[in-house]
Protein backbone atom coordinates (compact mmCIF):
# COMPACT_ATOMS: atom_id res chain seq x y z
CA MET A 1 128.40 92.40 -136.01
CA LYS A 2 126.14 90.63 -138.53
CA LEU A 3 127.94 87.30 -137.79
CA LYS A 4 127.40 87.88 -134.01
CA TRP A 5 123.75 88.30 -134.50
CA GLN A 6 123.44 85.31 -136.78
CA ALA A 7 125.28 83.21 -134.12
CA LEU A 8 123.06 84.55 -131.32
CA LEU A 9 119.90 83.91 -133.47
CA THR A 10 121.10 80.34 -134.17
CA ALA A 11 121.75 79.68 -130.37
CA VAL A 12 118.29 80.98 -129.44
CA MET A 13 116.55 78.71 -132.11
CA LEU A 14 118.44 75.68 -130.78
CA LEU A 15 117.53 76.44 -127.18
CA ALA A 16 113.87 76.84 -128.31
CA ALA A 17 114.01 73.55 -130.08
CA ALA A 18 115.42 71.76 -127.17
CA GLY A 19 112.81 73.28 -124.92
CA MET A 20 110.00 72.16 -127.28
CA ALA A 21 111.39 68.73 -127.38
CA GLY A 22 111.64 68.61 -123.64
CA CYS A 23 108.03 69.85 -123.40
CA GLY A 24 106.89 67.26 -125.73
CA ASN A 25 108.21 64.46 -123.53
CA SER A 26 106.84 65.92 -120.56
CA SER A 27 103.42 66.28 -122.25
CA ASP A 28 103.41 62.67 -123.19
CA ASN A 29 103.61 61.71 -119.49
CA ALA A 30 101.49 64.53 -118.25
CA ASN A 31 98.62 63.69 -120.65
CA GLY A 32 99.05 59.98 -119.74
CA LYS A 33 96.45 57.97 -117.89
CA ILE A 34 96.43 54.86 -115.66
CA VAL A 35 93.32 52.88 -115.36
CA PHE A 36 92.62 51.38 -112.00
CA ALA A 37 89.96 48.77 -112.76
CA SER A 38 88.71 47.49 -109.45
CA HIS A 39 86.13 44.61 -108.75
CA ASP A 40 84.46 46.90 -106.23
CA ALA A 41 84.76 50.28 -104.64
CA PRO A 42 88.20 50.57 -103.11
CA SER A 43 88.24 50.21 -99.30
CA ASN A 44 90.41 49.00 -96.50
CA PHE A 45 93.62 47.48 -98.15
CA VAL A 46 92.43 48.12 -101.74
CA GLY A 47 91.70 51.68 -100.73
CA LYS A 48 95.19 52.20 -99.47
CA ILE A 49 96.59 50.90 -102.75
CA TYR A 50 94.35 53.11 -104.82
CA ASP A 51 95.06 56.18 -102.81
CA GLY A 52 98.84 55.41 -102.93
CA VAL A 53 98.96 54.76 -106.57
CA THR A 54 96.83 57.91 -107.21
CA VAL A 55 99.30 60.14 -105.27
CA LYS A 56 102.52 58.71 -106.75
CA ALA A 57 101.04 58.80 -110.32
CA GLN A 58 100.13 62.41 -109.86
CA GLN A 59 103.72 63.21 -108.80
CA MET A 60 104.72 61.66 -112.19
CA GLY A 61 102.20 63.84 -114.08
CA LEU A 62 99.75 60.99 -114.56
CA GLU A 63 96.07 60.82 -114.09
CA VAL A 64 94.35 57.71 -112.50
CA GLU A 65 90.87 56.79 -113.57
CA LEU A 66 89.00 54.51 -111.28
CA LYS A 67 86.63 51.97 -112.95
CA ASN A 68 84.52 50.25 -110.29
CA ALA A 69 82.75 47.14 -111.45
CA GLY A 70 80.57 46.98 -108.45
CA MET A 71 81.07 43.22 -107.96
CA ASP A 72 79.73 42.53 -111.46
CA SER A 73 82.04 40.57 -113.76
CA ASN A 74 80.18 41.49 -116.99
CA ASN A 75 80.30 45.15 -115.92
CA GLN A 76 84.12 44.72 -115.46
CA ILE A 77 84.54 43.18 -118.84
CA ASP A 78 82.64 46.15 -120.47
CA GLN A 79 84.83 48.57 -118.42
CA LEU A 80 88.08 46.84 -119.51
CA LYS A 81 86.96 47.12 -123.16
CA GLU A 82 86.30 50.81 -122.55
CA ALA A 83 89.70 51.13 -121.09
CA ILE A 84 91.42 49.63 -124.14
CA GLU A 85 89.71 52.24 -126.37
CA GLN A 86 91.24 55.06 -123.97
CA LYS A 87 94.78 53.72 -124.70
CA PRO A 88 96.13 54.29 -121.20
CA LYS A 89 99.80 54.09 -120.31
CA ALA A 90 98.91 50.98 -118.10
CA ILE A 91 95.92 49.19 -116.60
CA ILE A 92 95.92 48.09 -112.99
CA LEU A 93 93.34 45.22 -112.73
CA LEU A 94 91.71 43.66 -109.67
CA PRO A 95 89.67 40.95 -111.40
CA MET A 96 86.13 40.09 -110.24
CA ASP A 97 86.31 36.79 -111.98
CA GLY A 98 89.78 35.76 -112.95
CA THR A 99 88.68 33.36 -115.60
CA SER A 100 85.68 34.98 -117.46
CA ILE A 101 87.84 38.10 -118.04
CA ILE A 102 90.59 36.32 -119.85
CA PRO A 103 89.38 36.94 -123.48
CA THR A 104 89.21 40.69 -122.66
CA VAL A 105 92.71 40.55 -121.06
CA GLU A 106 94.03 39.08 -124.25
CA LYS A 107 92.60 42.18 -126.20
CA VAL A 108 94.55 44.38 -123.74
CA ASN A 109 97.54 42.31 -124.63
CA ASP A 110 96.86 42.69 -128.39
CA ALA A 111 96.61 46.40 -127.81
CA LYS A 112 100.06 46.42 -126.22
CA ILE A 113 98.81 47.99 -123.04
CA PRO A 114 100.79 47.08 -120.02
CA LEU A 115 98.68 45.13 -117.54
CA ILE A 116 99.32 44.83 -113.80
CA THR A 117 97.25 42.83 -111.43
CA THR A 118 97.03 43.09 -107.72
CA ASN A 119 95.14 41.66 -104.75
CA ARG A 120 93.05 39.26 -106.82
CA ASN A 121 94.09 36.45 -109.13
CA LEU A 122 93.90 36.49 -113.00
CA ASN A 123 94.09 32.99 -114.65
CA GLY A 124 95.25 33.74 -117.96
CA GLY A 125 96.68 36.24 -120.53
CA GLN A 126 100.04 38.24 -120.19
CA PHE A 127 100.40 40.48 -117.15
CA ALA A 128 102.71 41.52 -114.35
CA GLU A 129 101.53 40.79 -110.78
CA VAL A 130 102.04 42.38 -107.34
CA MET A 131 100.41 40.15 -104.56
CA SER A 132 100.83 39.83 -100.85
CA ASP A 133 102.21 36.49 -99.74
CA GLU A 134 98.86 34.88 -98.94
CA TYR A 135 100.34 31.63 -97.79
CA GLN A 136 102.54 33.48 -95.29
CA ALA A 137 99.36 35.24 -93.94
CA GLY A 138 97.73 31.90 -93.10
CA GLN A 139 101.05 30.60 -91.87
CA LEU A 140 101.34 33.36 -89.35
CA GLN A 141 97.88 32.88 -88.04
CA GLY A 142 98.54 29.04 -87.72
CA GLU A 143 101.76 29.50 -85.90
CA TYR A 144 100.18 31.81 -83.40
CA MET A 145 97.25 29.40 -82.80
CA ALA A 146 99.46 26.27 -82.62
CA LYS A 147 101.54 28.02 -80.01
CA ASN A 148 98.76 29.50 -77.87
CA LEU A 149 95.82 26.98 -78.02
CA PRO A 150 95.41 24.43 -75.23
CA GLN A 151 95.41 20.65 -75.72
CA GLY A 152 92.34 19.54 -77.44
CA ALA A 153 91.19 22.97 -78.59
CA LYS A 154 88.20 23.38 -80.89
CA VAL A 155 88.35 25.80 -83.72
CA VAL A 156 86.19 27.35 -86.50
CA TYR A 157 87.36 28.86 -89.77
CA LEU A 158 85.85 31.86 -91.69
CA MET A 159 86.81 31.67 -95.36
CA GLY A 160 86.61 34.33 -98.04
CA GLU A 161 85.69 33.34 -101.58
CA PRO A 162 86.85 29.70 -101.93
CA ALA A 163 87.39 29.94 -105.71
CA LEU A 164 89.99 32.63 -105.24
CA GLU A 165 93.63 31.72 -104.86
CA VAL A 166 93.92 34.19 -101.95
CA SER A 167 91.35 32.27 -99.95
CA GLN A 168 93.01 28.94 -100.82
CA GLN A 169 96.51 30.06 -99.93
CA ARG A 170 95.43 31.67 -96.53
CA TRP A 171 93.63 28.47 -95.63
CA LEU A 172 96.44 26.25 -96.78
CA GLY A 173 99.07 28.32 -94.64
CA PHE A 174 96.90 28.03 -91.52
CA LYS A 175 96.13 24.37 -92.07
CA GLU A 176 99.79 23.33 -92.44
CA ALA A 177 101.11 25.69 -89.70
CA CYS A 178 98.42 24.65 -87.13
CA LEU A 179 96.11 21.72 -87.82
CA ASP A 180 98.77 19.55 -89.49
CA LYS A 181 101.34 20.11 -86.75
CA ARG A 182 98.78 20.08 -83.82
CA PRO A 183 96.43 17.04 -84.62
CA ASP A 184 94.90 17.42 -81.09
CA ILE A 185 93.22 20.60 -82.27
CA GLU A 186 89.91 19.96 -83.93
CA LEU A 187 88.52 21.92 -86.68
CA LEU A 188 84.67 22.05 -86.01
CA ALA A 189 83.57 23.93 -89.03
CA LYS A 190 84.63 26.02 -92.04
CA ALA A 191 82.34 28.37 -93.89
CA LYS A 192 82.36 30.55 -97.05
CA CYS A 193 81.66 34.09 -95.87
CA ASP A 194 82.67 36.16 -98.93
CA TRP A 195 84.87 38.49 -96.75
CA SER A 196 81.68 39.93 -95.35
CA GLU A 197 81.14 41.06 -91.67
CA ALA A 198 77.47 40.20 -91.95
CA GLN A 199 78.23 36.65 -93.00
CA GLY A 200 80.70 36.44 -90.10
CA VAL A 201 77.94 37.46 -87.77
CA ARG A 202 75.44 34.89 -89.35
CA ASN A 203 77.82 31.93 -89.45
CA MET A 204 79.20 32.50 -85.99
CA ALA A 205 75.75 32.82 -84.51
CA MET A 206 74.77 29.58 -86.06
CA TRP A 207 77.85 27.83 -84.80
CA LEU A 208 77.29 29.13 -81.29
CA LYS A 209 74.06 27.32 -81.35
CA VAL A 210 75.54 24.07 -82.54
CA PHE A 211 78.79 23.87 -80.62
CA PRO A 212 78.87 24.07 -76.88
CA LYS A 213 82.67 24.86 -76.85
CA ILE A 214 84.60 27.04 -79.28
CA ASP A 215 88.14 28.04 -78.37
CA ALA A 216 89.28 29.85 -81.28
CA VAL A 217 87.98 31.71 -84.51
CA VAL A 218 90.40 31.97 -87.34
CA SER A 219 89.29 34.37 -90.07
CA ALA A 220 90.65 35.05 -93.49
CA ASN A 221 90.05 38.66 -93.10
CA ASP A 222 89.21 41.14 -90.28
CA ASN A 223 85.75 41.94 -91.46
CA MET A 224 84.48 38.52 -90.90
CA ALA A 225 86.40 38.28 -87.61
CA ILE A 226 84.76 41.43 -86.36
CA GLY A 227 81.47 39.98 -87.27
CA ALA A 228 82.20 36.80 -85.28
CA ILE A 229 83.13 39.00 -82.30
CA LYS A 230 79.81 40.72 -82.48
CA ALA A 231 77.96 37.38 -82.60
CA MET A 232 79.84 36.11 -79.58
CA LYS A 233 79.26 39.27 -77.59
CA ALA A 234 75.53 39.13 -78.42
CA ALA A 235 75.50 35.46 -77.14
CA GLY A 236 77.63 36.33 -74.14
CA ARG A 237 80.34 33.82 -75.20
CA ASN A 238 83.31 35.95 -76.17
CA GLN A 239 85.35 35.45 -73.05
CA GLY A 240 88.54 33.29 -73.57
CA VAL A 241 88.06 32.70 -77.26
CA LEU A 242 91.06 33.57 -79.46
CA VAL A 243 90.16 35.37 -82.51
CA CYS A 244 92.59 36.20 -85.36
CA GLY A 245 92.05 37.85 -88.67
CA CYS A 246 93.97 39.37 -91.71
CA ASP A 247 94.38 42.97 -93.05
CA ALA A 248 95.12 45.07 -89.92
CA THR A 249 92.00 47.21 -90.39
CA ASN A 250 91.42 49.91 -87.92
CA ASP A 251 88.49 47.97 -86.35
CA ALA A 252 90.76 44.97 -85.92
CA LEU A 253 93.56 46.92 -84.39
CA LYS A 254 91.09 48.47 -81.88
CA ALA A 255 89.77 45.01 -81.12
CA ILE A 256 93.26 43.76 -80.35
CA ALA A 257 93.97 46.76 -78.15
CA ALA A 258 90.63 45.91 -76.32
CA GLY A 259 91.43 42.40 -75.96
CA ASP A 260 88.55 41.09 -78.26
CA MET A 261 91.12 39.86 -80.84
CA VAL A 262 94.49 38.28 -80.31
CA MET A 263 96.18 39.05 -83.63
CA THR A 264 95.96 40.06 -87.23
CA VAL A 265 98.40 40.10 -90.19
CA GLU A 266 99.07 43.37 -92.10
CA GLN A 267 99.33 43.54 -95.73
CA ASN A 268 101.86 46.15 -96.58
CA ALA A 269 100.04 48.64 -98.87
CA ASP A 270 103.10 50.99 -99.11
CA LYS A 271 105.36 48.24 -100.39
CA THR A 272 102.59 47.07 -102.76
CA VAL A 273 102.26 50.62 -104.19
CA ASP A 274 105.97 50.84 -104.58
CA ALA A 275 106.15 47.60 -106.50
CA ILE A 276 103.15 48.69 -108.71
CA MET A 277 104.79 52.05 -109.53
CA GLU A 278 108.06 50.43 -110.38
CA LEU A 279 106.14 48.35 -112.90
CA ILE A 280 104.46 51.57 -114.18
CA GLN A 281 107.82 53.22 -114.61
CA LYS A 282 108.89 50.12 -116.81
CA ALA A 283 105.59 50.51 -118.78
CA LEU A 284 106.40 54.24 -119.45
CA LYS A 285 109.67 53.04 -121.00
CA GLY A 286 107.67 50.65 -123.29
CA GLU A 287 108.48 47.48 -121.32
CA GLN A 288 105.76 44.73 -121.23
CA SER A 289 106.68 43.11 -117.91
CA THR A 290 105.45 39.72 -116.66
CA GLU A 291 107.21 39.98 -113.37
CA LYS A 292 105.51 38.39 -110.24
CA VAL A 293 106.17 40.22 -107.10
CA LYS A 294 105.43 38.85 -103.54
CA VAL A 295 104.97 41.34 -100.68
CA PRO A 296 105.54 39.85 -97.15
CA TYR A 297 103.02 40.16 -94.28
CA THR A 298 103.60 41.44 -90.67
CA GLU A 299 102.02 39.92 -87.52
CA ILE A 300 100.32 42.37 -85.18
CA ASN A 301 99.40 41.44 -81.69
CA LYS A 302 99.01 42.81 -78.14
CA SER A 303 102.68 43.46 -77.87
CA ASN A 304 102.98 45.77 -80.99
CA VAL A 305 99.55 46.94 -81.79
CA ALA A 306 100.14 50.47 -80.29
CA ASN A 307 102.60 50.99 -83.09
CA TYR A 308 99.89 50.58 -85.87
CA ILE A 309 96.75 52.25 -84.31
CA LYS A 310 96.21 55.75 -85.88
């Protein structure tokens, strides 16, 4: 009888030890934190990424802390230094300035904290990257315009931040797919609009005073395209002008349905989130990935916009 009680007691102790070990592993993840260091308050596409990462991280027992730099590169540097002190499981970084932040990124590397960038380019240090295929975005815009613009059409182009690779790649994709293949199409003007609707309004209003004929507006994002549409409506010159954008925002989708825009291209936030979370999983296993992931775009026009409007 005594032997039976000893055996039972031993079994209970083993089970308890296993349970405590299991709880310890769970606690490591449950108490873990991911820092989402964004150049600005998450909205539109970035907002979808932040929301998606937050939901999936919570399902894994992880907390996501947002650090919003408010479009201030020095502020972001300070926030990244603060994140290093917090020793998170990983940092997701959307750089305000992909060059000035490099020394701080190197400190993240020295601290052995896995770093993942998305949406905006980082120009140095060790990191994994999940980016939409920005060249393809411009290429889809260019192919649409090359196919649908009349002979001798006149076009204006609204650019984001010229120093960013995303801006450069979207422009290059459009140029090679449209202007290089249709030399009869004339580029009247190209302007830096910093992704801003207000800048889209301002530049378009100026161009409408300078150019008697504009056949198309190609915009590196939907915000600027919506701004251009507002300027054209105010001037009574929106009829027959082909306007395309990028991001598939709700305003752009509604504009396509209403006939004010002809197309946009969608960045796939869900696939971007999935790719980021796969890298997070590797980080939790102690892997320091430098993988570069490209997420393809999808064209949205009058024929399929109803499938995307919420």
